[in-house]
Amino acid sequence: MAGRGPQTFQKRQKEQARKEKQEEKRARRLQRKLEPAEGENTLDDANEDPDLADLPSPVSPSVNTE
């Protein structure tokens, strides 16, 4: 049963690469969650900024079914 050695090594390399990629994605997701994108207004920003507080609240458009 020769040939099992390199195959297992290759599988381990792939597994390590896959886990590393998952960790990188997890870190990026966490960073995005902790730091919202610039220029993106959140509800907290509207409460803190007096200029934004004067704007009307968003209302869903009503649909006429006539």
Protein backbone atom coordinates (compact mmCIF):
# COMPACT_ATOMS: atom_id res chain seq x y z
CA MET A 1 0.00 0.00 0.00
CA ALA A 2 2.57 2.46 -1.06
CA GLY A 3 1.45 5.95 -1.93
CA ARG A 4 -0.55 6.61 1.23
CA GLY A 5 2.16 8.85 2.70
CA PRO A 6 2.14 11.76 0.24
CA GLN A 7 -1.62 11.62 -0.16
CA THR A 8 -2.17 12.07 3.58
CA PHE A 9 0.38 14.90 3.65
CA GLN A 10 -1.43 16.65 0.79
CA LYS A 11 -4.75 16.22 2.55
CA ARG A 12 -3.31 17.74 5.72
CA GLN A 13 -1.93 20.70 3.75
CA LYS A 14 -5.34 21.29 2.16
CA GLU A 15 -7.06 21.00 5.53
CA GLN A 16 -4.68 23.52 7.11
CA ALA A 17 -5.17 25.94 4.21
CA ARG A 18 -8.95 25.57 4.50
CA LYS A 19 -8.90 26.24 8.25
CA GLU A 20 -6.62 29.25 7.79
CA LYS A 21 -8.98 30.68 5.16
CA GLN A 22 -11.95 30.17 7.52
CA GLU A 23 -10.11 32.02 10.30
CA GLU A 24 -9.31 34.93 7.96
CA LYS A 25 -12.95 35.15 6.87
CA ARG A 26 -14.11 35.02 10.49
CA ALA A 27 -11.72 37.84 11.41
CA ARG A 28 -12.90 39.99 8.48
CA ARG A 29 -16.55 39.43 9.40
CA LEU A 30 -15.89 40.35 13.01
CA GLN A 31 -13.99 43.48 11.97
CA ARG A 32 -16.86 44.57 9.69
CA LYS A 33 -19.33 43.99 12.51
CA LEU A 34 -17.29 46.03 14.99
CA GLU A 35 -16.47 48.88 12.59
CA PRO A 36 -19.39 49.94 10.37
CA ALA A 37 -18.43 51.28 6.97
CA GLU A 38 -17.69 55.00 6.72
CA GLY A 39 -20.53 57.04 5.31
CA GLU A 40 -23.05 54.53 6.56
CA ASN A 41 -25.58 56.13 8.91
CA THR A 42 -26.83 54.08 11.80
CA LEU A 43 -29.69 54.92 14.10
CA ASP A 44 -27.21 55.94 16.81
CA ASP A 45 -25.63 58.49 14.43
CA ALA A 46 -29.02 60.09 13.79
CA ASN A 47 -29.60 60.46 17.53
CA GLU A 48 -26.21 62.08 18.08
CA ASP A 49 -26.13 64.44 15.07
CA PRO A 50 -28.65 67.30 15.37
CA ASP A 51 -28.67 67.85 11.59
CA LEU A 52 -29.76 64.28 10.98
CA ALA A 53 -32.34 64.36 13.79
CA ASP A 54 -34.41 66.95 11.87
CA LEU A 55 -34.92 64.60 8.92
CA PRO A 56 -38.26 62.79 8.75
CA SER A 57 -38.24 59.14 9.69
CA PRO A 58 -38.30 56.71 6.76
CA VAL A 59 -41.78 55.39 6.00
CA SER A 60 -42.54 52.45 3.77
CA PRO A 61 -44.44 53.53 0.66
CA SER A 62 -48.10 52.65 0.64
CA VAL A 63 -49.42 50.67 -2.27
CA ASN A 64 -52.75 51.48 -3.82
CA THR A 65 -54.70 48.40 -4.83
CA GLU A 66 -57.37 50.13 -6.87
